[in-house]
Amino acid sequence: MSHFTIIGLGRFGLAAAQELIHLGHTVTGVDNDPKVADKYVNHLTQVVVCDATDENALMELGLTGSDTVLVAIGEDMQASLLCTLALKTLGLKDIWVKANTRAHHTIVSKLGVARIIHPEEDMGARVAQALNYPMVTDFIGLGDGFYVVQIIVKTRLEGRTLAEVCDDNQQIIEPLLVKRDGEILRNLELDFVLQTNDRLLLSGKRSALTRIAPRLS
């Protein structure tokens, strides 16, 4: 279990906080609006009213006890930047920042923050991928063009082997596991036979996964 601090309890910040609690972590929510704090005081581990642009106020929160701090301040870019700068000055190492614009992203990156989130852009990209590849129910980008994708096996692929499904002449596609009837099957051989509604996890370059996509649809 980890402890997270989320600064800014708008829709994005609150959704992140509630999901982290659902996953078994503890979360301190920080907002400068007492009404917002009162509204969510029973939803999070702790809720604090604080001007997050004030370095001294942040220091009093004891943020060094947090494994990660997420700056989820909404449209006020100045407040987000001042908060981020204060966190860096206080020596916080694992800082994530929500950026609303490319300019915001650029400035935050100049402050030395590696984890910068663009919720609308990221969601837009995921929706586009889902529309283009409806057989893919989820995916994770690993960097350098590598992805892990989850695919639900359609009826027409019943009885096919992994060798038939994953074969790409140019690059390696690695089958990681199959989830079948609540059971996770690992260390799969290429002669493993697929069944309808199997959830198949594959890893590989995006270009290779794109090439085999037509036979999976």
C-alpha atoms as a PDB file:
ATOM      1  CA  MET A   1       0.000   0.000   0.000  1.00  0.00           C
ATOM      2  CA  SER A   2       1.284   3.449  -0.932  1.00  0.00           C
ATOM      3  CA  HIS A   3       0.280   6.943   0.145  1.00  0.00           C
ATOM      4  CA  PHE A   4      -0.561   9.547  -2.483  1.00  0.00           C
ATOM      5  CA  THR A   5      -1.239  13.265  -2.261  1.00  0.00           C
ATOM      6  CA  ILE A   6      -3.468  14.761  -4.932  1.00  0.00           C
ATOM      7  CA  ILE A   7      -3.521  18.538  -5.237  1.00  0.00           C
ATOM      8  CA  GLY A   8      -6.662  19.841  -6.911  1.00  0.00           C
ATOM      9  CA  LEU A   9      -9.942  17.993  -6.397  1.00  0.00           C
ATOM     10  CA  GLY A  10     -11.666  18.715  -9.678  1.00  0.00           C
ATOM     11  CA  ARG A  11     -13.133  15.897 -11.747  1.00  0.00           C
ATOM     12  CA  PHE A  12      -9.748  14.525 -12.783  1.00  0.00           C
ATOM     13  CA  GLY A  13      -8.110  14.766  -9.366  1.00  0.00           C
ATOM     14  CA  LEU A  14     -11.098  13.290  -7.562  1.00  0.00           C
ATOM     15  CA  ALA A  15     -11.423  10.414 -10.040  1.00  0.00           C
ATOM     16  CA  ALA A  16      -7.734   9.578  -9.595  1.00  0.00           C
ATOM     17  CA  ALA A  17      -8.046   9.779  -5.803  1.00  0.00           C
ATOM     18  CA  GLN A  18     -11.096   7.534  -5.627  1.00  0.00           C
ATOM     19  CA  GLU A  19      -9.559   4.937  -7.936  1.00  0.00           C
ATOM     20  CA  LEU A  20      -6.369   4.842  -5.842  1.00  0.00           C
ATOM     21  CA  ILE A  21      -8.451   4.257  -2.716  1.00  0.00           C
ATOM     22  CA  HIS A  22     -10.365   1.523  -4.545  1.00  0.00           C
ATOM     23  CA  LEU A  23      -6.984  -0.082  -5.314  1.00  0.00           C
ATOM     24  CA  GLY A  24      -6.144  -0.149  -1.605  1.00  0.00           C
ATOM     25  CA  HIS A  25      -3.958   2.941  -1.218  1.00  0.00           C
ATOM     26  CA  THR A  26      -4.336   5.933   1.083  1.00  0.00           C
ATOM     27  CA  VAL A  27      -4.882   9.390  -0.377  1.00  0.00           C
ATOM     28  CA  THR A  28      -4.626  12.918   0.962  1.00  0.00           C
ATOM     29  CA  GLY A  29      -6.642  15.365  -1.122  1.00  0.00           C
ATOM     30  CA  VAL A  30      -5.632  19.025  -1.178  1.00  0.00           C
ATOM     31  CA  ASP A  31      -7.777  21.907  -2.457  1.00  0.00           C
ATOM     32  CA  ASN A  32      -7.868  25.641  -1.826  1.00  0.00           C
ATOM     33  CA  ASP A  33     -11.686  25.728  -1.718  1.00  0.00           C
ATOM     34  CA  PRO A  34     -13.174  24.847   1.692  1.00  0.00           C
ATOM     35  CA  LYS A  35     -16.496  23.893   0.055  1.00  0.00           C
ATOM     36  CA  VAL A  36     -14.745  21.331  -2.142  1.00  0.00           C
ATOM     37  CA  ALA A  37     -12.841  19.961   0.839  1.00  0.00           C
ATOM     38  CA  ASP A  38     -16.040  19.621   2.886  1.00  0.00           C
ATOM     39  CA  LYS A  39     -17.778  17.880  -0.007  1.00  0.00           C
ATOM     40  CA  TYR A  40     -15.197  15.100  -0.249  1.00  0.00           C
ATOM     41  CA  VAL A  41     -13.986  14.795   3.338  1.00  0.00           C
ATOM     42  CA  ASN A  42     -15.713  11.408   3.722  1.00  0.00           C
ATOM     43  CA  HIS A  43     -14.549  10.095   0.354  1.00  0.00           C
ATOM     44  CA  LEU A  44     -10.775  10.250   0.858  1.00  0.00           C
ATOM     45  CA  THR A  45      -8.365   9.216   3.589  1.00  0.00           C
ATOM     46  CA  GLN A  46      -7.756  12.860   4.443  1.00  0.00           C
ATOM     47  CA  VAL A  47      -8.755  16.186   2.892  1.00  0.00           C
ATOM     48  CA  VAL A  48      -6.842  19.395   3.573  1.00  0.00           C
ATOM     49  CA  VAL A  49      -7.633  23.005   2.680  1.00  0.00           C
ATOM     50  CA  CYS A  50      -4.407  24.605   1.494  1.00  0.00           C
ATOM     51  CA  ASP A  51      -3.078  27.220  -0.919  1.00  0.00           C
ATOM     52  CA  ALA A  52      -0.872  24.874  -2.923  1.00  0.00           C
ATOM     53  CA  THR A  53       1.040  27.772  -4.475  1.00  0.00           C
ATOM     54  CA  ASP A  54       2.430  28.664  -1.035  1.00  0.00           C
ATOM     55  CA  GLU A  55       5.649  26.772  -0.344  1.00  0.00           C
ATOM     56  CA  ASN A  56       5.355  27.276   3.421  1.00  0.00           C
ATOM     57  CA  ALA A  57       1.798  25.947   3.449  1.00  0.00           C
ATOM     58  CA  LEU A  58       2.884  22.876   1.483  1.00  0.00           C
ATOM     59  CA  MET A  59       5.787  22.328   3.869  1.00  0.00           C
ATOM     60  CA  GLU A  60       3.340  22.130   6.775  1.00  0.00           C
ATOM     61  CA  LEU A  61       1.489  19.281   5.043  1.00  0.00           C
ATOM     62  CA  GLY A  62       4.439  16.926   5.546  1.00  0.00           C
ATOM     63  CA  LEU A  63       4.435  15.793   1.935  1.00  0.00           C
ATOM     64  CA  THR A  64       7.644  13.813   2.372  1.00  0.00           C
ATOM     65  CA  GLY A  65       5.399  11.061   3.736  1.00  0.00           C
ATOM     66  CA  SER A  66       3.786  10.682   0.316  1.00  0.00           C
ATOM     67  CA  ASP A  67       5.115   8.180  -2.185  1.00  0.00           C
ATOM     68  CA  THR A  68       3.806  10.312  -5.058  1.00  0.00           C
ATOM     69  CA  VAL A  69       2.275  13.767  -5.437  1.00  0.00           C
ATOM     70  CA  LEU A  70      -0.116  14.441  -8.322  1.00  0.00           C
ATOM     71  CA  VAL A  71      -0.691  18.087  -9.252  1.00  0.00           C
ATOM     72  CA  ALA A  72      -4.191  17.959 -10.725  1.00  0.00           C
ATOM     73  CA  ILE A  73      -4.950  21.686 -10.661  1.00  0.00           C
ATOM     74  CA  GLY A  74      -7.426  22.536 -13.412  1.00  0.00           C
ATOM     75  CA  GLU A  75      -7.342  25.505 -15.767  1.00  0.00           C
ATOM     76  CA  ASP A  76      -5.115  27.792 -13.676  1.00  0.00           C
ATOM     77  CA  MET A  77      -1.723  27.189 -15.278  1.00  0.00           C
ATOM     78  CA  GLN A  78       0.017  29.733 -13.049  1.00  0.00           C
ATOM     79  CA  ALA A  79      -1.196  27.996  -9.904  1.00  0.00           C
ATOM     80  CA  SER A  80      -0.127  24.626 -11.293  1.00  0.00           C
ATOM     81  CA  LEU A  81       3.353  25.905 -12.124  1.00  0.00           C
ATOM     82  CA  LEU A  82       3.826  27.638  -8.772  1.00  0.00           C
ATOM     83  CA  CYS A  83       2.704  24.486  -6.979  1.00  0.00           C
ATOM     84  CA  THR A  84       5.059  22.325  -9.025  1.00  0.00           C
ATOM     85  CA  LEU A  85       7.979  24.683  -8.415  1.00  0.00           C
ATOM     86  CA  ALA A  86       7.256  24.647  -4.676  1.00  0.00           C
ATOM     87  CA  LEU A  87       7.171  20.840  -4.634  1.00  0.00           C
ATOM     88  CA  LYS A  88      10.506  20.676  -6.453  1.00  0.00           C
ATOM     89  CA  THR A  89      11.991  23.189  -4.018  1.00  0.00           C
ATOM     90  CA  LEU A  90      10.797  21.048  -1.105  1.00  0.00           C
ATOM     91  CA  GLY A  91      12.690  18.101  -2.571  1.00  0.00           C
ATOM     92  CA  LEU A  92       9.761  15.921  -3.630  1.00  0.00           C
ATOM     93  CA  LYS A  93      11.028  13.293  -6.069  1.00  0.00           C
ATOM     94  CA  ASP A  94       7.992  11.569  -7.594  1.00  0.00           C
ATOM     95  CA  ILE A  95       5.799  14.357  -8.949  1.00  0.00           C
ATOM     96  CA  TRP A  96       3.116  13.909 -11.599  1.00  0.00           C
ATOM     97  CA  VAL A  97       1.536  16.977 -13.197  1.00  0.00           C
ATOM     98  CA  LYS A  98      -1.628  17.396 -15.250  1.00  0.00           C
ATOM     99  CA  ALA A  99      -0.922  19.740 -18.173  1.00  0.00           C
ATOM    100  CA  ASN A 100      -3.716  21.382 -20.130  1.00  0.00           C
ATOM    101  CA  THR A 101      -1.691  22.867 -22.993  1.00  0.00           C
ATOM    102  CA  ARG A 102       1.572  22.263 -24.829  1.00  0.00           C
ATOM    103  CA  ALA A 103       2.993  25.453 -23.311  1.00  0.00           C
ATOM    104  CA  HIS A 104       2.087  24.136 -19.865  1.00  0.00           C
ATOM    105  CA  HIS A 105       3.800  20.835 -20.700  1.00  0.00           C
ATOM    106  CA  THR A 106       6.954  22.588 -21.907  1.00  0.00           C
ATOM    107  CA  ILE A 107       7.325  24.707 -18.779  1.00  0.00           C
ATOM    108  CA  VAL A 108       6.630  21.792 -16.431  1.00  0.00           C
ATOM    109  CA  SER A 109       9.232  19.680 -18.219  1.00  0.00           C
ATOM    110  CA  LYS A 110      11.747  22.513 -17.805  1.00  0.00           C
ATOM    111  CA  LEU A 111      11.115  22.255 -14.064  1.00  0.00           C
ATOM    112  CA  GLY A 112      12.389  18.680 -14.206  1.00  0.00           C
ATOM    113  CA  VAL A 113       9.077  16.817 -14.045  1.00  0.00           C
ATOM    114  CA  ALA A 114       9.125  13.607 -16.070  1.00  0.00           C
ATOM    115  CA  ARG A 115       5.525  12.462 -15.519  1.00  0.00           C
ATOM    116  CA  ILE A 116       3.264  14.906 -17.364  1.00  0.00           C
ATOM    117  CA  ILE A 117      -0.320  13.907 -18.105  1.00  0.00           C
ATOM    118  CA  HIS A 118      -2.668  15.157 -20.823  1.00  0.00           C
ATOM    119  CA  PRO A 119      -6.001  13.551 -19.861  1.00  0.00           C
ATOM    120  CA  GLU A 120      -8.053  14.741 -22.826  1.00  0.00           C
ATOM    121  CA  GLU A 121      -5.350  13.969 -25.396  1.00  0.00           C
ATOM    122  CA  ASP A 122      -4.596  10.591 -23.828  1.00  0.00           C
ATOM    123  CA  MET A 123      -8.279   9.640 -23.703  1.00  0.00           C
ATOM    124  CA  GLY A 124      -8.785  10.864 -27.243  1.00  0.00           C
ATOM    125  CA  ALA A 125      -5.941   8.644 -28.425  1.00  0.00           C
ATOM    126  CA  ARG A 126      -7.371   5.640 -26.574  1.00  0.00           C
ATOM    127  CA  VAL A 127     -10.824   6.209 -28.062  1.00  0.00           C
ATOM    128  CA  ALA A 128      -9.329   6.466 -31.550  1.00  0.00           C
ATOM    129  CA  GLN A 129      -7.444   3.201 -31.041  1.00  0.00           C
ATOM    130  CA  ALA A 130     -10.611   1.514 -29.753  1.00  0.00           C
ATOM    131  CA  LEU A 131     -12.570   2.697 -32.782  1.00  0.00           C
ATOM    132  CA  ASN A 132      -9.864   1.556 -35.179  1.00  0.00           C
ATOM    133  CA  TYR A 133      -9.195  -1.793 -33.449  1.00  0.00           C
ATOM    134  CA  PRO A 134     -12.459  -2.853 -31.730  1.00  0.00           C
ATOM    135  CA  MET A 135     -11.019  -6.278 -30.883  1.00  0.00           C
ATOM    136  CA  VAL A 136      -8.506  -4.573 -28.542  1.00  0.00           C
ATOM    137  CA  THR A 137     -10.134  -4.060 -25.151  1.00  0.00           C
ATOM    138  CA  ASP A 138      -7.129  -2.423 -23.489  1.00  0.00           C
ATOM    139  CA  PHE A 139      -3.538  -1.478 -24.209  1.00  0.00           C
ATOM    140  CA  ILE A 140      -0.453  -0.073 -22.495  1.00  0.00           C
ATOM    141  CA  GLY A 141       2.347   1.816 -24.192  1.00  0.00           C
ATOM    142  CA  LEU A 142       5.765   0.718 -22.932  1.00  0.00           C
ATOM    143  CA  GLY A 143       7.801   3.288 -24.857  1.00  0.00           C
ATOM    144  CA  ASP A 144      10.015   2.983 -27.940  1.00  0.00           C
ATOM    145  CA  GLY A 145       7.025   1.803 -29.957  1.00  0.00           C
ATOM    146  CA  PHE A 146       6.315  -1.279 -27.812  1.00  0.00           C
ATOM    147  CA  TYR A 147       2.805  -2.069 -26.586  1.00  0.00           C
ATOM    148  CA  VAL A 148       0.958  -4.666 -24.552  1.00  0.00           C
ATOM    149  CA  VAL A 149      -2.563  -5.251 -25.885  1.00  0.00           C
ATOM    150  CA  GLN A 150      -5.484  -7.282 -24.591  1.00  0.00           C
ATOM    151  CA  ILE A 151      -7.640  -8.961 -27.225  1.00  0.00           C
ATOM    152  CA  ILE A 152     -10.884 -10.876 -26.830  1.00  0.00           C
ATOM    153  CA  VAL A 153     -10.778 -13.950 -29.051  1.00  0.00           C
ATOM    154  CA  LYS A 154     -13.700 -13.978 -31.482  1.00  0.00           C
ATOM    155  CA  THR A 155     -15.640 -17.106 -32.472  1.00  0.00           C
ATOM    156  CA  ARG A 156     -13.952 -17.310 -35.856  1.00  0.00           C
ATOM    157  CA  LEU A 157     -10.557 -17.706 -34.122  1.00  0.00           C
ATOM    158  CA  GLU A 158     -11.769 -20.710 -32.112  1.00  0.00           C
ATOM    159  CA  GLY A 159      -9.315 -23.574 -32.586  1.00  0.00           C
ATOM    160  CA  ARG A 160      -6.512 -21.415 -33.973  1.00  0.00           C
ATOM    161  CA  THR A 161      -3.059 -21.715 -32.411  1.00  0.00           C
ATOM    162  CA  LEU A 162      -0.917 -18.865 -31.131  1.00  0.00           C
ATOM    163  CA  ALA A 163       1.512 -19.575 -33.959  1.00  0.00           C
ATOM    164  CA  GLU A 164      -1.236 -18.880 -36.497  1.00  0.00           C
ATOM    165  CA  VAL A 165      -2.498 -15.761 -34.761  1.00  0.00           C
ATOM    166  CA  CYS A 166       0.816 -14.160 -33.748  1.00  0.00           C
ATOM    167  CA  ASP A 167       2.926 -14.880 -36.811  1.00  0.00           C
ATOM    168  CA  ASP A 168       4.579 -11.766 -38.256  1.00  0.00           C
ATOM    169  CA  ASN A 169       7.318 -12.144 -40.820  1.00  0.00           C
ATOM    170  CA  GLN A 170       9.168  -8.993 -39.795  1.00  0.00           C
ATOM    171  CA  GLN A 171       9.077  -8.646 -36.000  1.00  0.00           C
ATOM    172  CA  ILE A 172       8.484 -10.766 -32.911  1.00  0.00           C
ATOM    173  CA  ILE A 173       5.080 -10.717 -31.225  1.00  0.00           C
ATOM    174  CA  GLU A 174       5.155 -12.364 -27.814  1.00  0.00           C
ATOM    175  CA  PRO A 175       2.043 -13.969 -26.269  1.00  0.00           C
ATOM    176  CA  LEU A 176       2.213 -13.149 -22.554  1.00  0.00           C
ATOM    177  CA  LEU A 177      -0.801 -14.936 -21.109  1.00  0.00           C
ATOM    178  CA  VAL A 178      -4.390 -15.992 -21.654  1.00  0.00           C
ATOM    179  CA  LYS A 179      -7.225 -15.346 -19.213  1.00  0.00           C
ATOM    180  CA  ARG A 180      -9.835 -18.097 -19.558  1.00  0.00           C
ATOM    181  CA  ASP A 181     -12.847 -18.654 -17.267  1.00  0.00           C
ATOM    182  CA  GLY A 182     -11.182 -16.793 -14.415  1.00  0.00           C
ATOM    183  CA  GLU A 183      -7.916 -18.710 -14.766  1.00  0.00           C
ATOM    184  CA  ILE A 184      -4.638 -17.144 -15.915  1.00  0.00           C
ATOM    185  CA  LEU A 185      -2.586 -19.344 -18.246  1.00  0.00           C
ATOM    186  CA  ARG A 186       1.110 -18.453 -18.566  1.00  0.00           C
ATOM    187  CA  ASN A 187       4.230 -19.864 -20.268  1.00  0.00           C
ATOM    188  CA  LEU A 188       2.277 -20.486 -23.441  1.00  0.00           C
ATOM    189  CA  GLU A 189       3.646 -22.605 -26.270  1.00  0.00           C
ATOM    190  CA  LEU A 190       2.993 -21.600 -29.865  1.00  0.00           C
ATOM    191  CA  ASP A 191       0.765 -24.668 -30.344  1.00  0.00           C
ATOM    192  CA  PHE A 192      -1.587 -23.407 -27.601  1.00  0.00           C
ATOM    193  CA  VAL A 193      -5.161 -23.529 -28.963  1.00  0.00           C
ATOM    194  CA  LEU A 194      -7.420 -20.518 -28.469  1.00  0.00           C
ATOM    195  CA  GLN A 195     -11.049 -20.629 -27.405  1.00  0.00           C
ATOM    196  CA  THR A 196     -13.840 -18.120 -27.937  1.00  0.00           C
ATOM    197  CA  ASN A 197     -13.829 -15.309 -25.332  1.00  0.00           C
ATOM    198  CA  ASP A 198     -10.238 -15.970 -24.265  1.00  0.00           C
ATOM    199  CA  ARG A 199      -8.537 -12.732 -23.244  1.00  0.00           C
ATOM    200  CA  LEU A 200      -5.160 -12.802 -24.944  1.00  0.00           C
ATOM    201  CA  LEU A 201      -2.320 -10.480 -23.932  1.00  0.00           C
ATOM    202  CA  LEU A 202       0.263  -9.807 -26.618  1.00  0.00           C
ATOM    203  CA  SER A 203       3.437  -7.735 -26.535  1.00  0.00           C
ATOM    204  CA  GLY A 204       5.259  -6.309 -29.513  1.00  0.00           C
ATOM    205  CA  LYS A 205       6.073  -3.352 -31.695  1.00  0.00           C
ATOM    206  CA  ARG A 206       3.081  -1.309 -32.754  1.00  0.00           C
ATOM    207  CA  SER A 207       3.932  -1.890 -36.417  1.00  0.00           C
ATOM    208  CA  ALA A 208       3.862  -5.672 -35.942  1.00  0.00           C
ATOM    209  CA  LEU A 209       0.638  -5.607 -33.934  1.00  0.00           C
ATOM    210  CA  THR A 210      -0.945  -3.452 -36.623  1.00  0.00           C
ATOM    211  CA  ARG A 211       0.003  -5.968 -39.309  1.00  0.00           C
ATOM    212  CA  ILE A 212      -1.684  -8.891 -37.540  1.00  0.00           C
ATOM    213  CA  ALA A 213      -4.764  -6.855 -36.536  1.00  0.00           C
ATOM    214  CA  PRO A 214      -6.858  -7.821 -39.607  1.00  0.00           C
ATOM    215  CA  ARG A 215      -6.716 -11.525 -38.752  1.00  0.00           C
ATOM    216  CA  LEU A 216      -7.831 -10.793 -35.171  1.00  0.00           C
ATOM    217  CA  SER A 217     -10.916  -8.751 -36.063  1.00  0.00           C
END
